[in-house]
């Protein structure tokens, strides 16, 4: 029967992996091979308000240098919308990007 297009309800669960959407030959994968994870862990403070992960901040700075993004505000916007950038920064789709003033 013909009629108006029905608006489908969105799925409750999605199977999505950022890892599958970043090409194997992407520049950020090549850079990622040389980064040591957990290197800064002994220096994290256990007092006071939790800070933003220093590894995330370093990854964002490297990303900005590698991709020629000079503005922190623009860098945060790009990390927010680009899957490869999110993958490089170890952010999931639901994770918040740090504020540009950080």
PDB file of N, CA and C in Angstrom:
ATOM      1  N   UNK A   1       0.839  -1.164   0.000  1.00  0.00           N
ATOM      2  CA  UNK A   1       0.000   0.000   0.000  1.00  0.00           C
ATOM      3  C   UNK A   1       0.894   1.239   0.000  1.00  0.00           C
ATOM      4  N   UNK A   2       0.571   2.175  -0.857  1.00  0.00           N
ATOM      5  CA  UNK A   2       1.336   3.429  -0.948  1.00  0.00           C
ATOM      6  C   UNK A   2       0.829   4.388   0.109  1.00  0.00           C
ATOM      7  N   UNK A   3       1.719   5.138   0.648  1.00  0.00           N
ATOM      8  CA  UNK A   3       1.342   6.107   1.653  1.00  0.00           C
ATOM      9  C   UNK A   3       2.559   6.935   2.021  1.00  0.00           C
ATOM     10  N   UNK A   4       2.418   7.781   3.009  1.00  0.00           N
ATOM     11  CA  UNK A   4       3.572   8.592   3.403  1.00  0.00           C
ATOM     12  C   UNK A   4       4.676   7.709   3.971  1.00  0.00           C
ATOM     13  N   UNK A   5       5.890   8.167   3.804  1.00  0.00           N
ATOM     14  CA  UNK A   5       7.054   7.438   4.294  1.00  0.00           C
ATOM     15  C   UNK A   5       7.003   7.373   5.814  1.00  0.00           C
ATOM     16  N   UNK A   6       7.150   6.187   6.320  1.00  0.00           N
ATOM     17  CA  UNK A   6       7.144   5.987   7.765  1.00  0.00           C
ATOM     18  C   UNK A   6       8.544   6.288   8.314  1.00  0.00           C
ATOM     19  N   UNK A   7       8.589   7.008   9.410  1.00  0.00           N
ATOM     20  CA  UNK A   7       9.864   7.302  10.047  1.00  0.00           C
ATOM     21  C   UNK A   7      10.207   6.125  10.948  1.00  0.00           C
ATOM     22  N   UNK A   8      11.322   5.500  10.649  1.00  0.00           N
ATOM     23  CA  UNK A   8      11.730   4.327  11.422  1.00  0.00           C
ATOM     24  C   UNK A   8      12.356   4.748  12.745  1.00  0.00           C
ATOM     25  N   UNK A   9      12.104   3.954  13.732  1.00  0.00           N
ATOM     26  CA  UNK A   9      12.723   4.203  15.035  1.00  0.00           C
ATOM     27  C   UNK A   9      14.193   3.798  14.947  1.00  0.00           C
ATOM     28  N   UNK A  10      15.052   4.588  15.545  1.00  0.00           N
ATOM     29  CA  UNK A  10      16.471   4.280  15.542  1.00  0.00           C
ATOM     30  C   UNK A  10      16.766   3.004  16.322  1.00  0.00           C
ATOM     31  N   UNK A  11      17.838   2.355  15.947  1.00  0.00           N
ATOM     32  CA  UNK A  11      18.228   1.119  16.617  1.00  0.00           C
ATOM     33  C   UNK A  11      18.668   1.410  18.053  1.00  0.00           C
ATOM     34  N   UNK A  12      18.396   0.471  18.923  1.00  0.00           N
ATOM     35  CA  UNK A  12      18.800   0.630  20.314  1.00  0.00           C
ATOM     36  C   UNK A  12      20.279   0.327  20.516  1.00  0.00           C
ATOM     37  N   UNK A  13      20.800  -0.622  19.742  1.00  0.00           N
ATOM     38  CA  UNK A  13      22.189  -1.019  19.870  1.00  0.00           C
ATOM     39  C   UNK A  13      22.845  -0.987  18.498  1.00  0.00           C
ATOM     40  N   UNK A  14      24.086  -0.549  18.477  1.00  0.00           N
ATOM     41  CA  UNK A  14      24.846  -0.508  17.247  1.00  0.00           C
ATOM     42  C   UNK A  14      26.134  -1.287  17.426  1.00  0.00           C
ATOM     43  N   UNK A  15      26.539  -1.990  16.399  1.00  0.00           N
ATOM     44  CA  UNK A  15      27.852  -2.616  16.390  1.00  0.00           C
ATOM     45  C   UNK A  15      28.725  -1.765  15.490  1.00  0.00           C
ATOM     46  N   UNK A  16      29.610  -1.000  16.112  1.00  0.00           N
ATOM     47  CA  UNK A  16      30.445  -0.080  15.364  1.00  0.00           C
ATOM     48  C   UNK A  16      31.824  -0.054  15.998  1.00  0.00           C
ATOM     49  N   UNK A  17      32.837  -0.171  15.173  1.00  0.00           N
ATOM     50  CA  UNK A  17      34.207  -0.120  15.662  1.00  0.00           C
ATOM     51  C   UNK A  17      34.960   0.926  14.848  1.00  0.00           C
ATOM     52  N   UNK A  18      35.493   1.915  15.540  1.00  0.00           N
ATOM     53  CA  UNK A  18      36.279   2.941  14.853  1.00  0.00           C
ATOM     54  C   UNK A  18      37.491   2.302  14.183  1.00  0.00           C
ATOM     55  N   UNK A  19      38.042   1.283  14.818  1.00  0.00           N
ATOM     56  CA  UNK A  19      39.214   0.574  14.294  1.00  0.00           C
ATOM     57  C   UNK A  19      38.988   0.107  12.850  1.00  0.00           C
ATOM     58  N   UNK A  20      37.771  -0.349  12.554  1.00  0.00           N
ATOM     59  CA  UNK A  20      37.454  -0.849  11.211  1.00  0.00           C
ATOM     60  C   UNK A  20      37.329   0.258  10.175  1.00  0.00           C
ATOM     61  N   UNK A  21      37.218   1.505  10.598  1.00  0.00           N
ATOM     62  CA  UNK A  21      36.972   2.603   9.677  1.00  0.00           C
ATOM     63  C   UNK A  21      38.193   3.483   9.422  1.00  0.00           C
ATOM     64  N   UNK A  22      39.330   3.105   9.982  1.00  0.00           N
ATOM     65  CA  UNK A  22      40.572   3.839   9.735  1.00  0.00           C
ATOM     66  C   UNK A  22      41.435   2.971   8.822  1.00  0.00           C
ATOM     67  N   UNK A  23      41.750   3.456   7.632  1.00  0.00           N
ATOM     68  CA  UNK A  23      42.529   2.641   6.677  1.00  0.00           C
ATOM     69  C   UNK A  23      43.883   2.232   7.247  1.00  0.00           C
ATOM     70  N   UNK A  24      44.347   1.051   6.840  1.00  0.00           N
ATOM     71  CA  UNK A  24      45.631   0.523   7.322  1.00  0.00           C
ATOM     72  C   UNK A  24      46.806   1.408   6.933  1.00  0.00           C
ATOM     73  N   UNK A  25      46.714   2.109   5.816  1.00  0.00           N
ATOM     74  CA  UNK A  25      47.834   2.933   5.351  1.00  0.00           C
ATOM     75  C   UNK A  25      47.701   4.404   5.760  1.00  0.00           C
ATOM     76  N   UNK A  26      46.818   4.695   6.697  1.00  0.00           N
ATOM     77  CA  UNK A  26      46.606   6.075   7.155  1.00  0.00           C
ATOM     78  C   UNK A  26      47.839   6.568   7.914  1.00  0.00           C
ATOM     79  N   UNK A  27      48.190   7.828   7.734  1.00  0.00           N
ATOM     80  CA  UNK A  27      49.352   8.426   8.380  1.00  0.00           C
ATOM     81  C   UNK A  27      49.299   8.269   9.900  1.00  0.00           C
ATOM     82  N   UNK A  28      48.130   8.411  10.483  1.00  0.00           N
ATOM     83  CA  UNK A  28      48.013   8.327  11.935  1.00  0.00           C
ATOM     84  C   UNK A  28      48.304   6.926  12.458  1.00  0.00           C
ATOM     85  N   UNK A  29      48.029   5.890  11.673  1.00  0.00           N
ATOM     86  CA  UNK A  29      48.392   4.525  12.081  1.00  0.00           C
ATOM     87  C   UNK A  29      49.915   4.382  12.130  1.00  0.00           C
ATOM     88  N   UNK A  30      50.595   5.001  11.197  1.00  0.00           N
ATOM     89  CA  UNK A  30      52.059   4.932  11.171  1.00  0.00           C
ATOM     90  C   UNK A  30      52.659   5.650  12.378  1.00  0.00           C
ATOM     91  N   UNK A  31      52.088   6.786  12.736  1.00  0.00           N
ATOM     92  CA  UNK A  31      52.565   7.530  13.909  1.00  0.00           C
ATOM     93  C   UNK A  31      52.246   6.752  15.185  1.00  0.00           C
ATOM     94  N   UNK A  32      51.072   6.138  15.236  1.00  0.00           N
ATOM     95  CA  UNK A  32      50.621   5.425  16.432  1.00  0.00           C
ATOM     96  C   UNK A  32      51.550   4.270  16.797  1.00  0.00           C
ATOM     97  N   UNK A  33      52.182   3.663  15.811  1.00  0.00           N
ATOM     98  CA  UNK A  33      53.083   2.536  16.078  1.00  0.00           C
ATOM     99  C   UNK A  33      54.253   2.919  16.979  1.00  0.00           C
ATOM    100  N   UNK A  34      54.625   4.195  16.967  1.00  0.00           N
ATOM    101  CA  UNK A  34      55.789   4.639  17.721  1.00  0.00           C
ATOM    102  C   UNK A  34      55.454   5.216  19.094  1.00  0.00           C
ATOM    103  N   UNK A  35      54.185   5.379  19.388  1.00  0.00           N
ATOM    104  CA  UNK A  35      53.798   5.940  20.680  1.00  0.00           C
ATOM    105  C   UNK A  35      53.713   4.843  21.726  1.00  0.00           C
ATOM    106  N   UNK A  36      54.253   5.128  22.889  1.00  0.00           N
ATOM    107  CA  UNK A  36      54.254   4.164  23.987  1.00  0.00           C
ATOM    108  C   UNK A  36      53.072   4.473  24.892  1.00  0.00           C
ATOM    109  N   UNK A  37      52.187   3.511  25.043  1.00  0.00           N
ATOM    110  CA  UNK A  37      51.021   3.701  25.907  1.00  0.00           C
ATOM    111  C   UNK A  37      51.401   3.431  27.362  1.00  0.00           C
ATOM    112  N   UNK A  38      50.832   4.181  28.236  1.00  0.00           N
ATOM    113  CA  UNK A  38      51.048   3.964  29.655  1.00  0.00           C
ATOM    114  C   UNK A  38      52.356   4.525  30.187  1.00  0.00           C
ATOM    115  N   UNK A  39      53.115   5.190  29.369  1.00  0.00           N
ATOM    116  CA  UNK A  39      54.409   5.736  29.793  1.00  0.00           C
ATOM    117  C   UNK A  39      54.241   6.779  30.890  1.00  0.00           C
ATOM    118  N   UNK A  40      53.177   7.536  30.830  1.00  0.00           N
ATOM    119  CA  UNK A  40      52.956   8.616  31.788  1.00  0.00           C
ATOM    120  C   UNK A  40      52.186   8.178  33.035  1.00  0.00           C
ATOM    121  N   UNK A  41      51.707   6.948  33.078  1.00  0.00           N
ATOM    122  CA  UNK A  41      50.867   6.480  34.185  1.00  0.00           C
ATOM    123  C   UNK A  41      51.486   6.680  35.568  1.00  0.00           C
ATOM    124  N   UNK A  42      52.786   6.462  35.773  1.00  0.00           N
ATOM    125  CA  UNK A  42      53.347   6.665  37.123  1.00  0.00           C
ATOM    126  C   UNK A  42      53.281   8.117  37.599  1.00  0.00           C
ATOM    127  N   UNK A  43      53.095   9.047  36.704  1.00  0.00           N
ATOM    128  CA  UNK A  43      53.105  10.462  37.068  1.00  0.00           C
ATOM    129  C   UNK A  43      51.719  11.033  37.326  1.00  0.00           C
ATOM    130  N   UNK A  44      50.676  10.226  37.188  1.00  0.00           N
ATOM    131  CA  UNK A  44      49.324  10.711  37.432  1.00  0.00           C
ATOM    132  C   UNK A  44      49.134  10.963  38.920  1.00  0.00           C
ATOM    133  N   UNK A  45      48.480  12.027  39.251  1.00  0.00           N
ATOM    134  CA  UNK A  45      48.213  12.364  40.644  1.00  0.00           C
ATOM    135  C   UNK A  45      46.951  11.645  41.110  1.00  0.00           C
ATOM    136  N   UNK A  46      46.967  11.199  42.348  1.00  0.00           N
ATOM    137  CA  UNK A  46      45.792  10.539  42.919  1.00  0.00           C
ATOM    138  C   UNK A  46      45.071  11.462  43.885  1.00  0.00           C
ATOM    139  N   UNK A  47      45.483  12.714  43.930  1.00  0.00           N
ATOM    140  CA  UNK A  47      44.854  13.686  44.810  1.00  0.00           C
ATOM    141  C   UNK A  47      44.123  14.722  43.967  1.00  0.00           C
ATOM    142  N   UNK A  48      43.099  15.295  44.555  1.00  0.00           N
ATOM    143  CA  UNK A  48      42.378  16.367  43.892  1.00  0.00           C
ATOM    144  C   UNK A  48      41.487  15.884  42.763  1.00  0.00           C
ATOM    145  N   UNK A  49      41.040  16.822  41.979  1.00  0.00           N
ATOM    146  CA  UNK A  49      40.149  16.544  40.863  1.00  0.00           C
ATOM    147  C   UNK A  49      40.909  15.830  39.746  1.00  0.00           C
ATOM    148  N   UNK A  50      40.335  14.783  39.164  1.00  0.00           N
ATOM    149  CA  UNK A  50      41.024  14.075  38.087  1.00  0.00           C
ATOM    150  C   UNK A  50      41.262  14.999  36.887  1.00  0.00           C
ATOM    151  N   UNK A  51      42.441  14.919  36.333  1.00  0.00           N
ATOM    152  CA  UNK A  51      42.775  15.764  35.191  1.00  0.00           C
ATOM    153  C   UNK A  51      42.464  15.033  33.883  1.00  0.00           C
ATOM    154  N   UNK A  52      42.600  15.740  32.807  1.00  0.00           N
ATOM    155  CA  UNK A  52      42.482  15.124  31.491  1.00  0.00           C
ATOM    156  C   UNK A  52      43.732  14.293  31.264  1.00  0.00           C
ATOM    157  N   UNK A  53      43.567  13.150  30.671  1.00  0.00           N
ATOM    158  CA  UNK A  53      44.677  12.231  30.449  1.00  0.00           C
ATOM    159  C   UNK A  53      45.800  12.918  29.668  1.00  0.00           C
ATOM    160  N   UNK A  54      47.013  12.960  30.226  1.00  0.00           N
ATOM    161  CA  UNK A  54      48.127  13.602  29.513  1.00  0.00           C
ATOM    162  C   UNK A  54      48.423  12.945  28.167  1.00  0.00           C
ATOM    163  N   UNK A  55      48.200  11.631  28.066  1.00  0.00           N
ATOM    164  CA  UNK A  55      48.427  10.959  26.780  1.00  0.00           C
ATOM    165  C   UNK A  55      47.470  11.496  25.723  1.00  0.00           C
ATOM    166  N   UNK A  56      46.226  11.761  26.101  1.00  0.00           N
ATOM    167  CA  UNK A  56      45.254  12.342  25.173  1.00  0.00           C
ATOM    168  C   UNK A  56      45.717  13.712  24.700  1.00  0.00           C
ATOM    169  N   UNK A  57      46.212  14.522  25.621  1.00  0.00           N
ATOM    170  CA  UNK A  57      46.678  15.863  25.256  1.00  0.00           C
ATOM    171  C   UNK A  57      47.883  15.791  24.308  1.00  0.00           C
ATOM    172  N   UNK A  58      48.798  14.865  24.569  1.00  0.00           N
ATOM    173  CA  UNK A  58      49.965  14.697  23.694  1.00  0.00           C
ATOM    174  C   UNK A  58      49.532  14.215  22.322  1.00  0.00           C
ATOM    175  N   UNK A  59      48.600  13.266  22.295  1.00  0.00           N
ATOM    176  CA  UNK A  59      48.107  12.767  21.000  1.00  0.00           C
ATOM    177  C   UNK A  59      47.428  13.876  20.210  1.00  0.00           C
ATOM    178  N   UNK A  60      46.660  14.714  20.894  1.00  0.00           N
ATOM    179  CA  UNK A  60      45.996  15.818  20.185  1.00  0.00           C
ATOM    180  C   UNK A  60      47.013  16.812  19.640  1.00  0.00           C
ATOM    181  N   UNK A  61      48.056  17.106  20.416  1.00  0.00           N
ATOM    182  CA  UNK A  61      49.098  18.020  19.936  1.00  0.00           C
ATOM    183  C   UNK A  61      49.839  17.431  18.738  1.00  0.00           C
ATOM    184  N   UNK A  62      50.188  16.143  18.801  1.00  0.00           N
ATOM    185  CA  UNK A  62      50.843  15.490  17.664  1.00  0.00           C
ATOM    186  C   UNK A  62      49.950  15.510  16.429  1.00  0.00           C
ATOM    187  N   UNK A  63      48.686  15.272  16.640  1.00  0.00           N
ATOM    188  CA  UNK A  63      47.712  15.307  15.556  1.00  0.00           C
ATOM    189  C   UNK A  63      47.676  16.688  14.910  1.00  0.00           C
ATOM    190  N   UNK A  64      47.656  17.715  15.730  1.00  0.00           N
ATOM    191  CA  UNK A  64      47.645  19.074  15.202  1.00  0.00           C
ATOM    192  C   UNK A  64      48.884  19.380  14.390  1.00  0.00           C
ATOM    193  N   UNK A  65      50.042  18.956  14.893  1.00  0.00           N
ATOM    194  CA  UNK A  65      51.293  19.183  14.152  1.00  0.00           C
ATOM    195  C   UNK A  65      51.320  18.398  12.846  1.00  0.00           C
ATOM    196  N   UNK A  66      50.910  17.124  12.895  1.00  0.00           N
ATOM    197  CA  UNK A  66      50.962  16.258  11.712  1.00  0.00           C
ATOM    198  C   UNK A  66      49.989  16.703  10.625  1.00  0.00           C
ATOM    199  N   UNK A  67      48.847  17.204  11.022  1.00  0.00           N
ATOM    200  CA  UNK A  67      47.816  17.575  10.052  1.00  0.00           C
ATOM    201  C   UNK A  67      47.783  19.074   9.749  1.00  0.00           C
ATOM    202  N   UNK A  68      48.692  19.825  10.347  1.00  0.00           N
ATOM    203  CA  UNK A  68      48.769  21.256  10.052  1.00  0.00           C
ATOM    204  C   UNK A  68      47.622  22.057  10.635  1.00  0.00           C
ATOM    205  N   UNK A  69      47.090  21.619  11.752  1.00  0.00           N
ATOM    206  CA  UNK A  69      45.996  22.338  12.410  1.00  0.00           C
ATOM    207  C   UNK A  69      46.622  23.246  13.465  1.00  0.00           C
ATOM    208  N   UNK A  70      46.557  24.543  13.251  1.00  0.00           N
ATOM    209  CA  UNK A  70      47.244  25.483  14.124  1.00  0.00           C
ATOM    210  C   UNK A  70      46.414  25.999  15.284  1.00  0.00           C
ATOM    211  N   UNK A  71      45.126  25.903  15.180  1.00  0.00           N
ATOM    212  CA  UNK A  71      44.234  26.449  16.202  1.00  0.00           C
ATOM    213  C   UNK A  71      43.747  25.335  17.123  1.00  0.00           C
ATOM    214  N   UNK A  72      43.817  25.555  18.426  1.00  0.00           N
ATOM    215  CA  UNK A  72      43.311  24.565  19.372  1.00  0.00           C
ATOM    216  C   UNK A  72      41.802  24.385  19.230  1.00  0.00           C
ATOM    217  N   UNK A  73      41.119  25.481  18.965  1.00  0.00           N
ATOM    218  CA  UNK A  73      39.670  25.414  18.780  1.00  0.00           C
ATOM    219  C   UNK A  73      39.339  24.539  17.560  1.00  0.00           C
ATOM    220  N   UNK A  74      40.053  24.755  16.474  1.00  0.00           N
ATOM    221  CA  UNK A  74      39.835  23.970  15.253  1.00  0.00           C
ATOM    222  C   UNK A  74      40.222  22.510  15.476  1.00  0.00           C
ATOM    223  N   UNK A  75      41.301  22.287  16.217  1.00  0.00           N
ATOM    224  CA  UNK A  75      41.744  20.923  16.511  1.00  0.00           C
ATOM    225  C   UNK A  75      40.659  20.162  17.263  1.00  0.00           C
ATOM    226  N   UNK A  76      40.062  20.786  18.260  1.00  0.00           N
ATOM    227  CA  UNK A  76      38.987  20.139  19.017  1.00  0.00           C
ATOM    228  C   UNK A  76      37.787  19.840  18.130  1.00  0.00           C
ATOM    229  N   UNK A  77      37.459  20.754  17.228  1.00  0.00           N
ATOM    230  CA  UNK A  77      36.354  20.520  16.295  1.00  0.00           C
ATOM    231  C   UNK A  77      36.659  19.341  15.374  1.00  0.00           C
ATOM    232  N   UNK A  78      37.884  19.276  14.874  1.00  0.00           N
ATOM    233  CA  UNK A  78      38.269  18.196  13.964  1.00  0.00           C
ATOM    234  C   UNK A  78      38.268  16.847  14.674  1.00  0.00           C
ATOM    235  N   UNK A  79      38.761  16.793  15.895  1.00  0.00           N
ATOM    236  CA  UNK A  79      38.750  15.543  16.656  1.00  0.00           C
ATOM    237  C   UNK A  79      37.310  15.115  16.925  1.00  0.00           C
ATOM    238  N   UNK A  80      36.439  16.080  17.116  1.00  0.00           N
ATOM    239  CA  UNK A  80      35.033  15.768  17.381  1.00  0.00           C
ATOM    240  C   UNK A  80      34.370  15.087  16.183  1.00  0.00           C
ATOM    241  N   UNK A  81      34.696  15.486  14.955  1.00  0.00           N
ATOM    242  CA  UNK A  81      33.968  14.986  13.785  1.00  0.00           C
ATOM    243  C   UNK A  81      34.719  13.941  12.959  1.00  0.00           C
ATOM    244  N   UNK A  82      36.022  13.792  13.120  1.00  0.00           N
ATOM    245  CA  UNK A  82      36.802  12.897  12.264  1.00  0.00           C
ATOM    246  C   UNK A  82      37.070  11.579  12.981  1.00  0.00           C
ATOM    247  N   UNK A  83      36.649  10.466  12.378  1.00  0.00           N
ATOM    248  CA  UNK A  83      36.815   9.157  13.004  1.00  0.00           C
ATOM    249  C   UNK A  83      38.279   8.777  13.174  1.00  0.00           C
ATOM    250  N   UNK A  84      39.106   9.082  12.188  1.00  0.00           N
ATOM    251  CA  UNK A  84      40.528   8.737  12.283  1.00  0.00           C
ATOM    252  C   UNK A  84      41.187   9.506  13.425  1.00  0.00           C
ATOM    253  N   UNK A  85      40.804  10.751  13.596  1.00  0.00           N
ATOM    254  CA  UNK A  85      41.363  11.552  14.679  1.00  0.00           C
ATOM    255  C   UNK A  85      40.904  11.014  16.038  1.00  0.00           C
ATOM    256  N   UNK A  86      39.639  10.631  16.119  1.00  0.00           N
ATOM    257  CA  UNK A  86      39.126  10.042  17.365  1.00  0.00           C
ATOM    258  C   UNK A  86      39.867   8.742  17.671  1.00  0.00           C
ATOM    259  N   UNK A  87      40.088   7.925  16.649  1.00  0.00           N
ATOM    260  CA  UNK A  87      40.808   6.668  16.840  1.00  0.00           C
ATOM    261  C   UNK A  87      42.209   6.946  17.372  1.00  0.00           C
ATOM    262  N   UNK A  88      42.908   7.899  16.774  1.00  0.00           N
ATOM    263  CA  UNK A  88      44.265   8.226  17.182  1.00  0.00           C
ATOM    264  C   UNK A  88      44.316   8.723  18.622  1.00  0.00           C
ATOM    265  N   UNK A  89      43.315   9.475  19.020  1.00  0.00           N
ATOM    266  CA  UNK A  89      43.262  10.023  20.392  1.00  0.00           C
ATOM    267  C   UNK A  89      42.661   9.043  21.391  1.00  0.00           C
ATOM    268  N   UNK A  90      42.303   7.852  20.939  1.00  0.00           N
ATOM    269  CA  UNK A  90      41.709   6.825  21.794  1.00  0.00           C
ATOM    270  C   UNK A  90      40.386   7.275  22.406  1.00  0.00           C
ATOM    271  N   UNK A  91      39.594   7.986  21.606  1.00  0.00           N
ATOM    272  CA  UNK A  91      38.272   8.428  22.053  1.00  0.00           C
ATOM    273  C   UNK A  91      37.213   7.592  21.360  1.00  0.00           C
ATOM    274  N   UNK A  92      36.239   7.138  22.104  1.00  0.00           N
ATOM    275  CA  UNK A  92      35.116   6.418  21.546  1.00  0.00           C
ATOM    276  C   UNK A  92      34.117   7.430  20.987  1.00  0.00           C
ATOM    277  N   UNK A  93      33.099   6.953  20.308  1.00  0.00           N
ATOM    278  CA  UNK A  93      32.111   7.865  19.731  1.00  0.00           C
ATOM    279  C   UNK A  93      31.389   8.688  20.780  1.00  0.00           C
ATOM    280  N   UNK A  94      31.197   8.138  21.966  1.00  0.00           N
ATOM    281  CA  UNK A  94      30.468   8.830  23.015  1.00  0.00           C
ATOM    282  C   UNK A  94      31.373   9.667  23.923  1.00  0.00           C
ATOM    283  N   UNK A  95      32.687   9.544  23.783  1.00  0.00           N
ATOM    284  CA  UNK A  95      33.616  10.286  24.647  1.00  0.00           C
ATOM    285  C   UNK A  95      33.650  11.761  24.261  1.00  0.00           C
ATOM    286  N   UNK A  96      33.735  12.588  25.270  1.00  0.00           N
ATOM    287  CA  UNK A  96      33.806  14.040  25.037  1.00  0.00           C
ATOM    288  C   UNK A  96      35.234  14.439  24.675  1.00  0.00           C
ATOM    289  N   UNK A  97      35.338  15.403  23.780  1.00  0.00           N
ATOM    290  CA  UNK A  97      36.626  15.977  23.405  1.00  0.00           C
ATOM    291  C   UNK A  97      36.939  17.094  24.410  1.00  0.00           C
ATOM    292  N   UNK A  98      38.184  17.184  24.883  1.00  0.00           N
ATOM    293  CA  UNK A  98      38.511  18.254  25.833  1.00  0.00           C
ATOM    294  C   UNK A  98      38.241  19.631  25.235  1.00  0.00           C
ATOM    295  N   UNK A  99      37.943  20.575  26.085  1.00  0.00           N
ATOM    296  CA  UNK A  99      37.689  21.945  25.656  1.00  0.00           C
ATOM    297  C   UNK A  99      38.970  22.557  25.109  1.00  0.00           C
ATOM    298  N   UNK A 100      38.841  23.435  24.136  1.00  0.00           N
ATOM    299  CA  UNK A 100      40.009  24.059  23.519  1.00  0.00           C
ATOM    300  C   UNK A 100      40.845  24.867  24.501  1.00  0.00           C
ATOM    301  N   UNK A 101      40.242  25.316  25.576  1.00  0.00           N
ATOM    302  CA  UNK A 101      40.982  26.128  26.543  1.00  0.00           C
ATOM    303  C   UNK A 101      41.850  25.281  27.480  1.00  0.00           C
ATOM    304  N   UNK A 102      41.708  23.973  27.398  1.00  0.00           N
ATOM    305  CA  UNK A 102      42.497  23.094  28.244  1.00  0.00           C
ATOM    306  C   UNK A 102      43.934  23.097  27.798  1.00  0.00           C
TER     307      UNK A 102
END
